Amino acid sequence: MRFPFTFMGVGSLVMAAWILVYGLLLGRLPADPLSRTLTLAGAGLFGLLGLYLVGRRVIRGPES
């Protein structure tokens, strides 16, 4: 059963997009350089996890 992992991947992509849109486009990133770096690193990790999970599902099919 692969649905929970696909759902987790889509959720991670949505979360990364939300962080980037809220932070970069609306200008709500923290002023502190360390906090800004951690926020963007978290968005990057969410995005990479989401791309891996959704990409694996797309490439290998439903039985991966």
Foldseek 3Di string as FASTA:
>chain_A
DLVVLLVQLVVLLVVLVVLCCVCPVVVPQDPDPVSNVVSNVSSVVSNVSSCVSNVCCVVVHPVD
